[in-house]
Protein backbone atom coordinates (compact mmCIF):
# COMPACT_ATOMS: atom_id res chain seq x y z
CA MET A 1 -75.73 40.19 18.42
CA TYR A 2 -72.65 38.71 16.77
CA LEU A 3 -74.36 38.53 13.38
CA LEU A 4 -75.52 42.13 13.76
CA GLN A 5 -71.97 43.25 14.44
CA LYS A 6 -70.66 41.29 11.46
CA ALA A 7 -73.35 42.78 9.23
CA LYS A 8 -72.43 46.30 10.35
CA ASN A 9 -68.75 45.60 9.72
CA CYS A 10 -69.46 44.19 6.25
CA ILE A 11 -71.63 47.17 5.31
CA THR A 12 -69.09 49.77 6.43
CA LEU A 13 -66.17 47.88 4.89
CA LEU A 14 -67.86 47.44 1.50
CA TYR A 15 -69.01 51.05 1.48
CA THR A 16 -65.55 52.32 2.41
CA CYS A 17 -63.85 50.17 -0.24
CA LEU A 18 -66.20 51.30 -3.01
CA MET A 19 -65.98 54.95 -2.01
CA GLY A 20 -62.22 54.70 -1.61
CA ILE A 21 -61.82 53.18 -5.07
CA THR A 22 -64.06 55.90 -6.49
CA VAL A 23 -62.05 58.70 -4.88
CA PHE A 24 -58.79 57.07 -6.02
CA LEU A 25 -60.05 56.92 -9.62
CA LEU A 26 -61.19 60.54 -9.55
CA ILE A 27 -57.96 61.88 -8.08
CA PHE A 28 -55.27 59.75 -9.68
CA LEU A 29 -56.64 58.15 -12.87
CA GLU A 30 -59.40 60.41 -14.19
CA LYS A 31 -57.14 62.82 -16.06
CA GLY A 32 -55.33 60.13 -18.03
CA THR A 33 -58.37 57.98 -18.79
CA ALA A 34 -60.54 58.41 -21.89
CA TYR A 35 -64.20 57.67 -21.28
CA TYR A 36 -67.57 58.53 -22.77
CA LEU A 37 -69.08 61.94 -21.93
CA LYS A 38 -65.87 63.14 -20.31
CA LYS A 39 -66.31 66.78 -19.33
CA ASP A 40 -63.47 69.30 -19.37
CA ILE A 41 -63.73 71.28 -16.13
CA GLY A 42 -60.57 73.31 -16.76
CA VAL A 43 -58.94 72.51 -13.40
CA SER A 44 -57.61 69.13 -12.25
CA ASN A 45 -59.54 67.10 -9.70
CA PRO A 46 -56.67 66.98 -7.15
CA LEU A 47 -56.43 70.78 -7.14
CA LEU A 48 -60.19 71.20 -6.80
CA LEU A 49 -60.32 68.67 -3.97
CA ALA A 50 -57.46 70.41 -2.16
CA ALA A 51 -59.30 73.72 -2.49
CA GLY A 52 -62.53 72.15 -1.25
CA LEU A 53 -60.88 70.59 1.79
CA PHE A 54 -59.13 73.88 2.63
CA ILE A 55 -62.41 75.79 2.44
CA THR A 56 -64.11 73.09 4.55
CA PHE A 57 -61.40 73.41 7.21
CA ILE A 58 -61.70 77.20 7.28
CA LEU A 59 -65.50 77.16 7.44
CA THR A 60 -65.46 74.52 10.17
CA GLY A 61 -63.07 76.68 12.18
CA ILE A 62 -65.36 79.68 11.74
CA ILE A 63 -68.36 77.65 12.85
CA VAL A 64 -66.53 76.41 15.95
CA PHE A 65 -65.57 79.97 16.81
CA ILE A 66 -69.15 81.18 16.41
CA ASN A 67 -70.45 78.32 18.53
CA CYS A 68 -68.04 79.10 21.33
CA LYS A 69 -68.61 82.85 21.11
CA PHE A 70 -72.39 82.63 21.11
CA HIS A 71 -72.90 79.38 22.99
CA ILE A 72 -76.04 80.63 24.73
CA ILE A 73 -77.81 80.50 21.36
CA PHE A 74 -76.22 77.50 19.73
CA PHE A 75 -75.46 75.12 22.60
CA GLU A 76 -78.79 74.88 24.32
CA ARG A 77 -81.20 72.09 23.50
CA PRO A 78 -84.01 74.00 21.85
CA GLU A 79 -87.62 73.33 22.65
CA LYS A 80 -89.72 71.58 20.04
CA SER A 81 -91.52 74.82 19.23
CA ARG A 82 -88.23 76.58 18.50
CA VAL A 83 -87.10 73.74 16.23
CA ILE A 84 -90.38 73.87 14.29
CA LEU A 85 -90.20 77.65 14.03
CA THR A 86 -86.61 77.51 12.79
CA ILE A 87 -87.18 74.96 10.05
CA THR A 88 -90.48 76.60 9.04
CA VAL A 89 -88.87 80.00 8.52
CA LEU A 90 -85.87 78.50 6.71
CA SER A 91 -88.10 76.37 4.48
CA LEU A 92 -90.42 79.25 3.62
CA VAL A 93 -87.47 81.38 2.53
CA LEU A 94 -86.08 78.50 0.48
CA PHE A 95 -89.42 77.70 -1.14
CA ILE A 96 -90.07 81.27 -2.27
CA SER A 97 -86.47 81.64 -3.50
CA GLU A 98 -86.68 78.38 -5.46
CA ILE A 99 -89.90 79.44 -7.15
CA ILE A 100 -88.31 82.72 -8.21
CA TYR A 101 -85.18 80.90 -9.36
CA SER A 102 -86.91 78.16 -11.38
CA ALA A 103 -89.58 80.43 -12.87
CA SER A 104 -87.02 83.07 -13.86
CA ALA A 105 -84.67 80.65 -15.57
CA PHE A 106 -87.14 78.07 -16.91
CA PHE A 107 -86.54 76.48 -20.30
CA TYR A 108 -87.86 73.35 -21.99
CA SER A 109 -85.53 70.41 -22.46
CA ASP A 110 -86.14 68.22 -25.52
CA TRP A 111 -85.50 64.64 -24.41
CA ASP A 112 -87.49 62.52 -21.94
CA PRO A 113 -88.90 65.59 -20.12
CA ALA A 114 -90.45 66.70 -23.42
CA GLY A 115 -91.95 63.25 -23.96
CA VAL A 116 -93.50 63.34 -20.49
CA LEU A 117 -94.84 66.88 -20.90
CA ASP A 118 -96.26 66.07 -24.33
CA CYS A 119 -98.25 63.24 -22.79
CA VAL A 120 -99.33 65.41 -19.83
CA TYR A 121 -100.62 68.31 -21.91
CA LYS A 122 -102.37 66.13 -24.47
CA ILE A 123 -104.24 64.23 -21.77
CA HIS A 124 -105.00 67.49 -19.98
CA ARG A 125 -106.45 68.99 -23.17
CA GLY A 126 -108.52 65.89 -24.01
CA MET A 127 -106.30 64.68 -26.86
CA LYS A 128 -105.34 61.22 -25.58
CA GLU A 129 -105.48 59.79 -29.08
CA GLU A 130 -102.47 61.96 -30.05
CA VAL A 131 -100.22 60.69 -27.25
CA SER A 132 -97.15 58.78 -28.47
CA ILE A 133 -98.19 55.30 -27.39
CA ASP A 134 -94.94 53.78 -28.63
CA TYR A 135 -92.87 56.05 -26.37
CA MET A 136 -94.99 55.51 -23.26
CA SER A 137 -95.21 51.76 -23.93
CA ALA A 138 -91.42 51.51 -24.13
CA HIS A 139 -90.93 53.72 -21.05
CA PRO A 140 -93.78 52.94 -18.61
CA ASN A 141 -91.52 54.15 -15.79
CA ASN A 142 -92.64 57.66 -16.80
CA LEU A 143 -96.34 56.96 -16.21
CA MET A 144 -96.27 57.94 -12.54
CA LEU A 145 -94.55 61.19 -13.44
CA VAL A 146 -97.26 61.87 -16.04
CA LEU A 147 -99.93 61.17 -13.42
CA ILE A 148 -98.31 63.48 -10.85
CA TYR A 149 -97.74 66.33 -13.31
CA LEU A 150 -101.28 65.95 -14.61
CA MET A 151 -102.65 66.37 -11.10
CA VAL A 152 -100.48 69.45 -10.57
CA LEU A 153 -101.60 70.94 -13.89
CA ARG A 154 -105.25 70.35 -13.05
CA ILE A 155 -104.77 72.16 -9.74
CA GLY A 156 -103.19 75.02 -11.68
CA THR A 157 -106.13 75.05 -14.10
CA PHE A 158 -108.49 75.33 -11.14
CA PHE A 159 -106.70 78.58 -10.32
CA GLY A 160 -106.89 79.76 -13.93
CA THR A 161 -103.59 78.71 -15.51
CA GLU A 162 -102.06 75.71 -17.28
CA SER A 163 -98.58 77.21 -17.32
CA ILE A 164 -95.62 74.90 -16.95
CA ILE A 165 -94.58 77.11 -14.02
CA CYS A 166 -97.19 75.21 -11.96
CA ILE A 167 -94.90 72.19 -12.20
CA SER A 168 -91.90 74.36 -11.29
CA VAL A 169 -93.72 75.43 -8.13
CA PHE A 170 -94.49 71.78 -7.35
CA GLN A 171 -90.85 70.76 -7.81
CA SER A 172 -89.76 73.65 -5.60
CA LEU A 173 -92.09 72.26 -2.94
CA ILE A 174 -90.50 68.81 -3.35
CA PHE A 175 -87.00 70.26 -2.89
CA THR A 176 -88.14 72.26 0.14
CA LEU A 177 -89.81 69.29 1.83
CA SER A 178 -86.70 67.25 1.08
CA GLY A 179 -84.75 69.89 2.96
CA VAL A 180 -87.10 69.51 5.94
CA LEU A 181 -86.56 65.74 6.01
CA PHE A 182 -82.82 66.25 5.62
CA PHE A 183 -82.85 68.70 8.55
CA PHE A 184 -84.56 66.29 10.94
CA ILE A 185 -82.43 63.31 9.88
CA VAL A 186 -79.26 65.30 10.59
CA ARG A 187 -80.66 66.72 13.83
CA ASP A 188 -81.43 63.26 15.23
CA LEU A 189 -78.10 61.87 14.04
CA PHE A 190 -75.95 64.73 15.34
CA SER A 191 -77.42 67.91 16.81
CA PHE A 192 -79.74 70.84 16.21
CA ARG A 193 -76.80 73.13 15.51
CA THR A 194 -75.32 70.72 12.97
CA ALA A 195 -78.73 70.39 11.34
CA VAL A 196 -79.00 74.16 10.85
CA TYR A 197 -75.57 74.47 9.23
CA SER A 198 -76.10 71.32 7.15
CA TRP A 199 -79.47 72.57 5.95
CA ILE A 200 -77.83 75.81 4.78
CA PHE A 201 -75.36 73.75 2.77
CA TYR A 202 -78.21 71.63 1.37
CA ALA A 203 -80.15 74.76 0.41
CA LEU A 204 -77.24 76.43 -1.37
CA TRP A 205 -76.01 73.36 -3.25
CA THR A 206 -78.92 70.96 -3.71
CA GLY A 207 -81.81 73.37 -3.20
CA PHE A 208 -80.67 75.55 -6.08
CA ALA A 209 -79.28 72.80 -8.29
CA PRO A 210 -80.26 73.57 -11.90
CA TYR A 211 -82.05 70.21 -12.13
CA LEU A 212 -84.81 71.94 -10.18
CA ILE A 213 -85.67 73.63 -13.49
CA ILE A 214 -85.90 70.41 -15.50
CA THR A 215 -89.36 68.84 -15.32
CA TYR A 216 -88.36 65.22 -14.87
CA SER A 217 -88.05 62.42 -12.31
CA ASP A 218 -84.65 63.55 -11.02
CA ALA A 219 -86.29 66.51 -9.31
CA VAL A 220 -89.42 64.68 -8.12
CA GLY A 221 -87.54 61.56 -7.01
CA ILE A 222 -85.14 63.33 -4.65
CA ILE A 223 -87.62 63.20 -1.76
CA PHE A 224 -88.21 59.44 -1.65
CA PRO A 225 -84.82 58.23 -0.33
CA LEU A 226 -85.13 60.84 2.42
CA ILE A 227 -88.67 59.73 3.31
CA THR A 228 -87.52 56.13 3.67
CA VAL A 229 -84.50 57.05 5.79
CA ARG A 230 -86.55 59.34 8.04
CA LEU A 231 -89.27 56.73 8.55
CA PHE A 232 -86.65 54.14 9.49
CA GLN A 233 -85.04 56.63 11.86
CA LEU A 234 -88.36 57.28 13.59
CA TYR A 235 -89.11 53.57 13.74
CA TYR A 236 -85.75 52.79 15.31
CA ASN A 237 -85.95 55.64 17.83
CA LYS A 238 -89.59 55.32 18.85
CA ARG A 239 -90.72 51.88 17.65
CA ALA A 240 -93.76 53.41 15.93
CA TYR A 241 -95.26 50.44 14.13
CA ILE A 242 -97.32 52.48 11.68
CA LEU A 243 -94.13 53.70 10.04
CA PRO A 244 -93.37 50.50 8.04
CA LEU A 245 -96.80 50.92 6.46
CA LEU A 246 -95.89 54.43 5.34
CA SER A 247 -92.47 53.19 4.24
CA GLY A 248 -94.01 50.59 1.91
CA ILE A 249 -96.38 53.15 0.39
CA SER A 250 -93.61 55.70 -0.10
CA ALA A 251 -91.25 53.11 -1.58
CA ALA A 252 -93.87 52.03 -4.12
CA ILE A 253 -94.55 55.58 -5.29
CA GLY A 254 -90.81 56.31 -5.32
CA TYR A 255 -90.11 53.19 -7.37
CA ALA A 256 -92.75 54.24 -9.89
CA VAL A 257 -91.13 57.69 -10.17
CA LYS A 258 -87.45 56.69 -10.04
CA PRO A 259 -86.63 52.96 -9.78
CA GLN A 260 -83.26 53.58 -8.10
CA THR A 261 -85.04 54.87 -4.98
CA PHE A 262 -86.14 51.28 -4.26
CA ILE A 263 -82.54 50.59 -3.24
CA VAL A 264 -83.07 52.45 0.05
CA PHE A 265 -86.20 50.43 0.85
CA THR A 266 -84.30 47.22 0.10
CA ALA A 267 -81.58 48.34 2.51
CA VAL A 268 -84.23 48.88 5.21
CA LEU A 269 -85.55 45.35 4.74
CA LEU A 270 -82.05 43.87 4.95
CA ILE A 271 -81.21 45.73 8.17
CA LEU A 272 -84.50 44.65 9.75
CA LEU A 273 -83.72 41.05 8.81
CA PHE A 274 -80.21 41.35 10.28
CA CYS A 275 -81.72 42.66 13.51
CA ALA A 276 -84.35 39.91 13.65
CA VAL A 277 -81.85 37.07 13.14
CA SER A 278 -79.09 38.46 15.34
CA LEU A 279 -81.27 39.60 18.24
CA LYS A 280 -83.68 36.64 17.90
CA ASP A 281 -86.47 39.18 17.89
CA ILE A 282 -89.47 38.53 15.69
CA VAL A 283 -90.66 42.15 15.77
CA PRO A 284 -88.19 43.48 13.13
CA LEU A 285 -89.04 40.48 10.94
CA LYS A 286 -92.76 41.26 11.23
CA GLN A 287 -92.09 44.88 10.31
CA ALA A 288 -90.00 43.86 7.29
CA VAL A 289 -92.72 41.50 6.05
CA PHE A 290 -95.44 44.07 6.73
CA SER A 291 -93.48 46.75 4.82
CA LEU A 292 -92.92 44.43 1.85
CA ILE A 293 -96.58 43.41 1.72
CA THR A 294 -97.60 47.07 1.86
CA PHE A 295 -95.19 47.84 -0.99
CA ILE A 296 -96.62 45.04 -3.13
CA ILE A 297 -100.22 46.10 -2.47
CA MET A 298 -99.40 49.72 -3.29
CA MET A 299 -97.68 48.67 -6.52
CA LEU A 300 -100.77 46.70 -7.50
CA ILE A 301 -102.93 49.75 -6.82
CA ILE A 302 -100.62 51.93 -8.90
CA ASN A 303 -100.55 49.51 -11.85
CA ARG A 304 -104.20 48.39 -11.74
CA LEU A 305 -105.90 51.63 -10.70
CA PHE A 306 -103.70 54.73 -11.05
CA PHE A 307 -102.13 54.05 -14.45
CA PRO A 308 -105.36 52.89 -16.15
CA SER A 309 -106.97 56.14 -14.99
CA LEU A 310 -104.80 57.93 -17.58
CA GLY A 311 -106.82 56.24 -20.32
CA LEU A 312 -103.80 55.24 -22.42
CA ASP A 313 -103.98 51.98 -24.36
CA LEU A 314 -100.35 50.94 -23.93
CA ASP A 315 -98.70 47.95 -25.56
CA LYS A 316 -97.05 46.16 -22.64
CA SER A 317 -95.07 43.95 -25.00
CA LYS A 318 -92.99 46.98 -26.04
CA SER A 319 -91.79 47.75 -22.53
CA PHE A 320 -88.02 47.67 -22.08
CA GLY A 321 -87.06 45.16 -19.39
CA MET A 322 -84.08 45.17 -17.04
CA THR A 323 -82.19 42.92 -19.45
CA HIS A 324 -82.12 45.76 -21.98
CA TYR A 325 -80.47 48.12 -19.50
CA LEU A 326 -78.08 45.38 -18.40
CA MET A 327 -77.08 44.86 -22.02
CA MET A 328 -76.71 48.59 -22.61
CA GLY A 329 -74.64 48.89 -19.44
CA LEU A 330 -72.04 46.70 -21.15
CA ASN A 331 -71.96 48.64 -24.43
CA PRO A 332 -68.25 49.04 -25.34
CA GLU A 333 -68.78 52.03 -27.63
CA THR A 334 -70.64 54.19 -25.11
CA ASP A 335 -69.01 52.73 -21.97
CA GLY A 336 -72.44 51.75 -20.72
CA VAL A 337 -74.18 55.07 -21.40
CA TYR A 338 -77.41 55.26 -23.44
CA SER A 339 -77.01 53.77 -26.93
CA ASN A 340 -79.31 54.40 -29.89
CA ASP A 341 -78.09 51.18 -31.50
CA ASP A 342 -79.00 49.12 -28.45
CA THR A 343 -82.39 50.81 -28.24
CA GLU A 344 -83.12 50.12 -31.90
CA PHE A 345 -81.96 46.53 -31.45
CA THR A 346 -84.37 45.98 -28.57
CA ASN A 347 -87.18 47.76 -30.42
CA SER A 348 -86.68 45.54 -33.47
CA ILE A 349 -87.70 42.41 -31.54
CA PRO A 350 -91.51 42.35 -31.12
CA ASP A 351 -91.87 39.33 -28.83
CA PRO A 352 -91.04 40.18 -25.15
CA GLU A 353 -89.59 36.76 -24.31
CA THR A 354 -87.46 36.67 -27.46
CA ARG A 355 -86.34 40.22 -26.70
CA ARG A 356 -85.31 39.23 -23.19
CA LEU A 357 -83.34 36.24 -24.43
CA GLU A 358 -81.65 38.29 -27.15
CA ASN A 359 -80.69 40.96 -24.62
CA LEU A 360 -79.15 38.26 -22.43
CA ARG A 361 -77.36 36.75 -25.43
CA VAL A 362 -75.74 40.07 -26.33
CA THR A 363 -74.90 40.64 -22.66
CA ALA A 364 -73.09 37.30 -22.51
CA GLU A 365 -71.26 38.01 -25.78
CA ARG A 366 -70.04 41.36 -24.50
CA LEU A 367 -68.84 39.83 -21.23
CA ARG A 368 -66.87 37.18 -23.12
CA ALA A 369 -65.41 39.80 -25.45
CA TYR A 370 -64.23 41.92 -22.53
CA GLY A 371 -62.51 39.16 -20.58
CA PHE A 372 -61.65 39.80 -16.95
CA LYS A 373 -59.14 42.60 -17.56
CA GLY A 374 -61.31 44.30 -20.15
CA PHE A 375 -64.36 44.07 -17.90
CA MET A 376 -62.46 45.69 -15.02
CA GLY A 377 -61.45 48.50 -17.36
CA HIS A 378 -65.06 48.88 -18.45
CA LEU A 379 -66.22 49.14 -14.84
CA MET A 380 -63.53 51.73 -14.15
CA ARG A 381 -64.74 53.89 -17.03
CA LYS A 382 -68.36 53.49 -15.92
CA GLN A 383 -67.48 54.56 -12.41
CA LEU A 384 -65.76 57.65 -13.80
CA ILE A 385 -68.81 58.41 -15.94
CA ASN A 386 -71.07 58.10 -12.90
CA PHE A 387 -68.95 60.05 -10.42
CA SER A 388 -66.61 62.36 -12.28
CA ASP A 389 -69.14 65.07 -13.15
CA GLY A 390 -70.15 67.39 -10.32
CA THR A 391 -72.88 68.88 -12.52
CA PHE A 392 -74.46 65.39 -12.83
CA SER A 393 -74.48 65.32 -16.64
CA TRP A 394 -75.98 68.78 -16.83
CA GLY A 395 -76.59 69.84 -20.44
CA ILE A 396 -75.77 66.45 -21.97
CA ASP A 397 -79.09 64.77 -22.80
CA GLY A 398 -80.78 65.50 -26.15
CA ASN A 399 -81.59 69.07 -27.11
CA PHE A 400 -81.08 70.08 -23.49
CA PHE A 401 -81.60 73.85 -23.77
CA ALA A 402 -84.59 73.92 -26.10
CA GLY A 403 -85.76 77.39 -25.06
CA THR A 404 -89.05 78.82 -23.80
CA LYS A 405 -91.08 78.07 -26.96
CA MET A 406 -91.61 74.43 -27.83
CA SER A 407 -94.25 72.44 -29.67
CA ASP A 408 -97.72 72.85 -28.18
CA PHE A 409 -96.46 73.67 -24.71
CA PRO A 410 -97.33 77.04 -23.12
CA GLU A 411 -94.80 79.73 -23.88
CA VAL A 412 -92.78 80.87 -20.89
CA SER A 413 -91.96 84.51 -20.25
CA GLU A 414 -88.35 85.65 -20.47
CA ASP A 415 -89.00 89.02 -18.81
CA SER A 416 -87.52 88.22 -15.40
CA PRO A 417 -84.59 90.55 -14.58
CA LEU A 418 -82.86 87.58 -12.92
CA ARG A 419 -82.95 85.40 -16.04
CA PRO A 420 -79.76 86.69 -17.72
CA LEU A 421 -77.81 86.30 -14.46
CA ILE A 422 -78.99 82.75 -13.78
CA LEU A 423 -78.51 81.60 -17.37
CA SER A 424 -75.00 83.05 -17.37
CA PHE A 425 -74.14 80.35 -14.80
CA ILE A 426 -76.03 77.31 -16.09
CA THR A 427 -75.89 77.50 -19.89
CA PRO A 428 -72.70 76.56 -21.79
CA GLU A 429 -72.53 79.90 -23.59
CA GLY A 430 -72.93 81.80 -20.32
CA SER A 431 -70.03 83.96 -19.17
CA ARG A 432 -70.09 82.41 -15.68
CA TYR A 433 -70.55 78.81 -16.80
CA PRO A 434 -66.88 77.89 -16.18
CA LEU A 435 -67.29 79.12 -12.60
CA PHE A 436 -70.38 76.93 -12.23
CA LEU A 437 -68.44 73.89 -13.50
CA LYS A 438 -65.49 74.41 -11.19
CA THR A 439 -67.56 75.19 -8.11
CA THR A 440 -69.90 72.22 -8.43
CA GLN A 441 -66.99 69.89 -9.19
CA MET A 442 -65.08 71.13 -6.14
CA ILE A 443 -68.07 70.64 -3.84
CA TRP A 444 -68.85 67.18 -5.24
CA LEU A 445 -65.26 65.94 -4.89
CA THR A 446 -65.11 67.28 -1.33
CA VAL A 447 -68.39 65.60 -0.37
CA LEU A 448 -67.22 62.29 -1.84
CA PHE A 449 -63.87 62.43 -0.04
CA LEU A 450 -65.46 63.34 3.30
CA SER A 451 -68.07 60.60 2.82
CA PHE A 452 -65.24 58.13 2.23
CA LEU A 453 -63.57 59.25 5.46
CA SER A 454 -66.86 58.66 7.26
CA GLY A 455 -66.58 54.99 6.34
CA ILE A 456 -63.11 54.87 7.87
CA ILE A 457 -64.50 56.51 11.02
CA CYS A 458 -67.08 53.74 11.29
CA ILE A 459 -64.47 51.02 10.75
CA ILE A 460 -62.13 52.27 13.48
CA SER A 461 -64.91 53.11 15.94
CA SER A 462 -65.70 50.95 18.95
CA ALA A 463 -66.76 47.34 18.56
CA ARG A 464 -70.25 47.90 19.94
CA PRO A 465 -72.94 47.13 17.34
CA PHE A 466 -74.38 50.33 15.93
CA ASP A 467 -72.38 52.67 18.14
CA LYS A 468 -72.73 56.43 17.94
CA ASP A 469 -70.37 56.65 14.94
CA CYS A 470 -72.20 53.97 13.01
CA SER A 471 -75.81 54.03 14.08
CA PRO A 472 -78.50 51.99 12.30
CA VAL A 473 -79.45 55.08 10.29
CA MET A 474 -75.85 55.68 9.19
CA CYS A 475 -75.55 52.00 8.27
CA LEU A 476 -78.76 52.32 6.26
CA ILE A 477 -77.35 55.29 4.36
CA MET A 478 -74.05 53.52 3.68
CA LEU A 479 -75.82 50.36 2.55
CA SER A 480 -78.09 52.41 0.28
CA LEU A 481 -75.15 54.22 -1.33
CA THR A 482 -73.33 50.90 -1.74
CA GLY A 483 -76.39 49.50 -3.51
CA LEU A 484 -76.57 52.57 -5.72
CA ILE A 485 -72.93 52.24 -6.78
CA ILE A 486 -73.38 48.56 -7.65
CA PHE A 487 -76.65 49.26 -9.47
CA GLU A 488 -75.09 51.94 -11.66
CA LEU A 489 -72.11 49.71 -12.41
CA LEU A 490 -74.41 46.94 -13.61
CA PHE A 491 -76.94 48.92 -15.62
CA GLU A 492 -76.99 52.05 -17.79
CA ALA A 493 -74.45 54.63 -16.62
CA LYS A 494 -74.83 58.38 -16.24
CA ALA A 495 -73.97 60.89 -13.52
CA ARG A 496 -77.53 62.23 -13.55
CA TYR A 497 -78.77 58.99 -11.99
CA LEU A 498 -76.95 59.88 -8.75
CA PHE A 499 -78.80 63.16 -8.28
CA THR A 500 -81.77 61.78 -6.35
CA PHE A 501 -79.34 60.37 -3.76
CA LEU A 502 -77.42 63.62 -3.35
CA PRO A 503 -78.68 64.38 0.21
CA LEU A 504 -77.62 60.88 1.31
CA PHE A 505 -74.07 61.51 0.08
CA ILE A 506 -73.97 64.67 2.19
CA ILE A 507 -74.87 63.03 5.52
CA PRO A 508 -71.72 60.85 5.90
CA ALA A 509 -69.66 63.90 4.93
CA ILE A 510 -71.29 65.79 7.81
CA GLN A 511 -70.15 63.06 10.20
CA THR A 512 -66.54 63.62 9.08
CA VAL A 513 -66.83 67.38 9.59
CA ARG A 514 -68.20 66.74 13.08
CA LYS A 515 -65.09 64.70 13.85
CA LEU A 516 -62.91 67.47 12.45
CA GLU A 517 -64.38 69.90 14.98
CA ASN A 518 -62.86 67.89 17.82
CA TYR A 519 -59.37 68.61 16.52
CA LEU A 520 -59.87 72.36 16.38
CA PRO A 521 -59.37 74.67 19.38
CA GLN A 522 -62.45 74.50 21.62
CA GLY A 523 -63.94 72.03 19.17
CA ARG A 524 -64.77 69.42 21.80
CA PHE A 525 -66.73 71.97 23.77
CA SER A 526 -68.51 73.09 20.61
CA SER A 527 -69.46 69.58 19.51
CA GLN A 528 -71.39 69.00 22.72
CA GLY A 529 -74.04 71.52 21.78
CA LYS A 530 -77.39 70.34 20.61
């Protein structure tokens, strides 16, 4: 039990320190620091954060008032059928709205999404020989996305269409199901009432994030951290032993879609090991081993069965290894963001082992050139790159807004009456684009600050291991976010890489808002409702 308590304390302390440093950089140092891809929002971060906290306080007060005024509806513990009905209705509305939104505003984006779609459509049309083998060999992490999109497109063809909108519908389904998982995670952590309000926030901010439109792994990958967290939550609450099996399968698919999602699965394994050692209980250890074995088997199936089914003759020697991204993460000219020079350097070395050693050599040279002080400055700039953009690098990559006509892809209609309105918010030339920048930045800064306060809440809470303020699920989320921060500091930097973890950033913020309710009039009475 002592080790379990120490592990919990270490997790919450490390998380709080990293989040605190991040918030400090964003509020006090961001304006005066030059860094790669710095985006001009038009309003300072401190002012936006102050506005966000004020709005949060007002909305929380309104919610407390509503809860107290209509406590017969909001305070009762709803039956399971009412919970299912509520989330079903909410999800159906969200799903239909997202389809309308993404289909109305759809445009092609000419960077990695275009490379994936080119491969998908050529395989779908029986032209495998025209697929860019060099691109797919260098970026095999996109193979699972190609496989998934190909399956979606074939389903669409069965119904008489090969339109790209089929993939938009699929991604809308992913976002909607992610909202369902988010709802139940929050409900079991806090209350039914909190889950409803939190889901509304998720739907308005994450559910209609413009990355829903972009056909890439950021949209598809968002569901996998939530699946892993929810499976762990169910395992901890009900000791359902089949869940680690599902966790290993989900983690393998998630890793193949978006490697960062593996961080959450790693956090699950670590917590299970902490529990096994501290409690001298072999059951969590068995579950951890079983989950890991399941993950490995599923990865073998993916690599030996799923990927070969695409019929692509890839050159495995051209695949970029982790050492390439480690090297690029230390690039002094781009502050760790994608570098054409580094990519060409890695591509110029044909032998995989020589390439790995050369990547490590350049990595060591860059570390020596930085020195300790220079390296700390580099990490500071990388952290600002990763966290300072509430749009998550929207509009930055490649020819981002390539339009509705591109290459051999199906042309997309621009006849929707909603299209001009939506594009006015999400395209740089749009009249409402500055409002989009300021709003998303304000929300992101507020979520980060409230998530930081959640760490403080856990630190000052009671000494009981995994108490109500720092349950195993909350520790899992904090450990996952800590791993994400460290991962992005080590490897290639970009704010977009945080997007798949967005729902996990929201959950600690919800805990802080729940605490805030207790300090408002009638808030203690309100917070008792389930």
